[in-house]
Protein backbone atom coordinates (compact mmCIF):
# COMPACT_ATOMS: atom_id res chain seq x y z
CA MET A 1 49.15 59.39 -45.45
CA THR A 2 45.79 59.70 -43.65
CA GLU A 3 44.35 56.96 -41.44
CA LYS A 4 41.69 56.36 -44.11
CA GLU A 5 44.37 55.92 -46.79
CA LYS A 6 46.22 53.50 -44.52
CA MET A 7 43.01 51.57 -43.88
CA LEU A 8 42.25 51.19 -47.58
CA SER A 9 45.81 50.19 -48.48
CA GLY A 10 46.19 47.37 -45.95
CA ARG A 11 48.48 49.28 -43.58
CA PRO A 12 48.04 49.49 -39.79
CA TRP A 13 45.69 52.34 -38.87
CA LYS A 14 43.88 53.89 -35.91
CA HIS A 15 40.46 55.45 -35.45
CA ASP A 16 40.45 59.21 -35.94
CA GLU A 17 37.93 62.02 -36.30
CA GLU A 18 37.33 61.27 -39.99
CA PHE A 19 36.58 57.62 -39.12
CA SER A 20 34.19 58.61 -36.33
CA LYS A 21 32.33 61.08 -38.54
CA ALA A 22 31.84 58.55 -41.37
CA PHE A 23 30.94 55.78 -38.92
CA ASN A 24 28.35 57.89 -37.10
CA PHE A 25 26.78 59.03 -40.38
CA THR A 26 26.25 55.41 -41.44
CA GLN A 27 25.00 54.30 -38.01
CA GLU A 28 22.29 56.96 -38.08
CA LEU A 29 21.13 55.66 -41.47
CA LEU A 30 21.24 52.06 -40.23
CA PHE A 31 19.12 52.96 -37.23
CA ASP A 32 16.52 54.42 -39.58
CA LEU A 33 16.71 51.38 -41.86
CA ASN A 34 16.37 48.85 -39.06
CA THR A 35 13.38 50.57 -37.47
CA LEU A 36 11.29 50.87 -40.65
CA ARG A 37 8.29 48.63 -41.16
CA PRO A 38 8.77 45.85 -43.75
CA SER A 39 6.02 47.46 -45.85
CA GLU A 40 8.06 50.67 -46.23
CA VAL A 41 9.98 49.22 -49.16
CA GLU A 42 10.63 52.44 -51.05
CA GLU A 43 12.12 54.18 -48.02
CA ARG A 44 14.20 51.09 -47.14
CA ASN A 45 15.63 50.88 -50.65
CA LYS A 46 16.44 54.59 -50.67
CA ILE A 47 18.46 54.25 -47.45
CA ILE A 48 20.27 51.14 -48.69
CA LYS A 49 21.27 52.93 -51.91
CA THR A 50 22.58 55.82 -49.81
CA ILE A 51 24.63 53.53 -47.55
CA PHE A 52 26.18 51.20 -50.12
CA GLY A 53 28.99 52.23 -52.46
CA LYS A 54 27.21 50.37 -55.27
CA ILE A 55 24.21 48.07 -55.45
CA GLY A 56 22.22 46.68 -58.37
CA ASP A 57 18.61 47.59 -59.10
CA LYS A 58 17.24 44.33 -57.72
CA PHE A 59 18.03 43.49 -54.08
CA ASN A 60 16.39 42.35 -50.84
CA ILE A 61 18.19 43.02 -47.56
CA ARG A 62 16.20 42.01 -44.49
CA SER A 63 16.53 43.95 -41.26
CA PRO A 64 18.42 44.12 -39.09
CA PHE A 65 21.47 44.81 -41.23
CA TYR A 66 24.74 46.26 -39.93
CA CYS A 67 27.95 47.61 -41.44
CA ILE A 68 30.68 50.11 -40.55
CA PHE A 69 30.70 52.55 -43.48
CA GLY A 70 28.70 50.94 -46.28
CA ARG A 71 30.47 52.99 -48.95
CA TYR A 72 33.08 50.23 -49.39
CA ILE A 73 30.41 47.58 -50.10
CA LEU A 74 29.96 47.04 -53.85
CA VAL A 75 27.12 44.70 -54.79
CA GLY A 76 25.92 43.35 -58.14
CA GLU A 77 22.40 42.52 -59.33
CA ASN A 78 19.84 40.32 -57.58
CA PHE A 79 21.37 40.30 -54.09
CA PHE A 80 19.57 38.73 -51.12
CA ALA A 81 20.70 38.99 -47.49
CA ASN A 82 18.58 37.36 -44.80
CA PHE A 83 18.15 38.67 -41.25
CA ASN A 84 21.08 39.99 -39.19
CA CYS A 85 23.75 40.30 -41.86
CA ILE A 86 26.89 42.07 -40.60
CA ILE A 87 29.57 43.46 -42.93
CA ILE A 88 32.62 45.05 -41.29
CA ASP A 89 33.79 47.06 -44.29
CA GLY A 90 37.09 48.63 -43.31
CA ALA A 91 38.24 47.51 -46.77
CA LYS A 92 36.43 46.92 -50.03
CA VAL A 93 33.77 44.17 -50.03
CA THR A 94 32.84 43.15 -53.58
CA ILE A 95 29.79 40.92 -54.05
CA GLY A 96 28.85 39.61 -57.50
CA ASP A 97 25.49 39.02 -59.19
CA ASN A 98 22.86 36.55 -57.93
CA VAL A 99 24.40 36.15 -54.47
CA MET A 100 22.40 34.86 -51.49
CA PHE A 101 23.26 35.16 -47.78
CA GLY A 102 21.47 33.09 -45.15
CA PRO A 103 20.61 34.63 -41.77
CA ASN A 104 23.46 35.76 -39.50
CA VAL A 105 26.11 35.82 -42.24
CA ARG A 106 29.10 37.93 -41.20
CA LEU A 107 31.88 39.40 -43.35
CA PHE A 108 34.88 40.74 -41.45
CA THR A 109 37.47 42.75 -43.39
CA GLY A 110 39.10 44.00 -40.19
CA GLY A 111 41.32 42.69 -37.46
CA HIS A 112 44.02 43.62 -34.97
CA PRO A 113 47.67 42.64 -34.41
CA LEU A 114 48.09 39.64 -32.11
CA HIS A 115 50.52 41.23 -29.65
CA HIS A 116 48.73 43.15 -26.90
CA GLU A 117 51.08 46.14 -27.12
CA ARG A 118 50.13 46.67 -30.79
CA ARG A 119 46.45 45.80 -30.56
CA GLU A 120 45.25 49.41 -30.60
CA PHE A 121 46.01 49.33 -34.34
CA CYS A 122 43.50 48.01 -36.86
CA CYS A 123 44.22 46.33 -40.18
CA SER A 124 41.77 45.79 -43.03
CA PHE A 125 41.88 43.61 -46.13
CA PRO A 126 39.26 43.10 -48.88
CA ILE A 127 36.72 40.34 -49.38
CA THR A 128 35.56 39.31 -52.87
CA ILE A 129 32.54 37.08 -53.46
CA GLY A 130 31.89 35.91 -57.02
CA ASN A 131 28.66 35.52 -58.97
CA ASN A 132 25.96 32.96 -58.06
CA VAL A 133 27.39 32.30 -54.59
CA TRP A 134 25.22 31.02 -51.73
CA ILE A 135 26.57 31.55 -48.21
CA GLY A 136 24.63 29.55 -45.63
CA GLY A 137 23.30 30.88 -42.35
CA GLY A 138 25.75 31.72 -39.59
CA ALA A 139 28.82 31.57 -41.83
CA ILE A 140 31.75 33.90 -41.18
CA VAL A 141 34.04 35.15 -43.96
CA ASN A 142 37.31 36.61 -42.70
CA SER A 143 39.50 39.27 -44.31
CA ASN A 144 41.62 38.86 -47.45
CA ILE A 145 39.32 36.15 -48.85
CA THR A 146 38.00 35.41 -52.35
CA ILE A 147 35.10 33.02 -52.92
CA GLY A 148 34.78 31.86 -56.53
CA ASP A 149 31.70 31.89 -58.78
CA ASN A 150 28.86 29.39 -58.25
CA THR A 151 30.19 28.16 -54.90
CA VAL A 152 28.13 27.16 -51.85
CA ILE A 153 29.46 27.83 -48.34
CA GLY A 154 27.78 25.59 -45.76
CA SER A 155 25.97 27.05 -42.77
CA GLY A 156 28.13 27.79 -39.75
CA SER A 157 31.37 27.75 -41.73
CA VAL A 158 34.37 29.92 -40.87
CA VAL A 159 36.13 30.89 -44.10
CA THR A 160 39.84 31.54 -43.46
CA LYS A 161 41.26 30.70 -46.92
CA ASN A 162 40.24 31.38 -50.52
CA ILE A 163 37.56 29.05 -51.88
CA PRO A 164 37.61 28.14 -55.59
CA PRO A 165 34.63 28.37 -57.97
CA ASN A 166 32.03 25.63 -58.47
CA VAL A 167 32.44 23.82 -55.15
CA ILE A 168 30.62 23.04 -51.92
CA ALA A 169 32.77 24.07 -48.95
CA ALA A 170 31.96 23.88 -45.24
CA GLY A 171 33.39 23.56 -41.75
CA ASN A 172 35.55 25.38 -39.25
CA PRO A 173 37.92 26.04 -40.85
CA CYS A 174 35.98 25.94 -44.12
CA GLN A 175 37.29 23.34 -46.58
CA VAL A 176 36.23 22.16 -50.02
CA ILE A 177 34.00 19.08 -49.77
CA ARG A 178 33.43 18.46 -53.47
CA GLU A 179 32.81 20.06 -56.84
CA ILE A 180 29.33 21.04 -57.98
CA THR A 181 28.56 19.13 -61.20
CA ASP A 182 25.77 18.89 -63.77
CA ASP A 183 24.49 15.91 -61.78
CA ASP A 184 23.45 18.39 -59.06
CA ARG A 185 20.86 19.91 -61.44
CA GLN A 186 18.45 17.03 -60.78
CA TYR A 187 18.30 17.45 -56.99
CA TYR A 188 16.67 20.15 -54.88
CA PHE A 189 17.75 18.75 -51.47
CA LYS A 190 20.23 15.95 -50.86
CA LYS A 191 18.98 13.06 -53.05
CA MET A 192 15.45 14.43 -53.56
CA ARG A 193 14.81 14.81 -57.29
CA PHE A 194 13.07 17.74 -58.93
CA GLU A 195 11.31 15.37 -61.35
CA ASP A 196 9.67 13.53 -58.45
CA ALA A 197 8.45 16.72 -56.80
CA LEU A 198 7.25 18.94 -59.65
């Protein structure tokens, strides 16, 4: 079994020549992406489509953006990532449709064993984010996590456990605060009503 196969199957693995080659290829593309002018939309989108394993036709990823490989990031339609998004994709990262990331959102599929004598090994586990999810600025999503459809993750949260659909969750560690209900349709911020503002 190759180190890549170990990485993608959740087994302990180590960096090797194949890893370095794939990593360096992506980093060159990311350098190009992150140094383009914002007006160079066509060139930006071309690079993003080359980096990602899959991405919908409609997306907006603001620079700088960072990842390890990119090919293990699978994104649906209408994706938005604000400035300084980091995705450590040593395992598959699946992102649904209509997902929004605030600035400084970080997704970490990778980690290391706790004992110092084993720490040269890496281990990687997938992250799955459902449809219509909003992850607030500065949030961290750790490995082996699923976030359900329509959920909001509060800014600055550290997600260490699965989060169900249709909830607001926040904190360190991130915990469910409450369900999102039809009553939330009438508000655009806290208790400020759409009908009073439009």
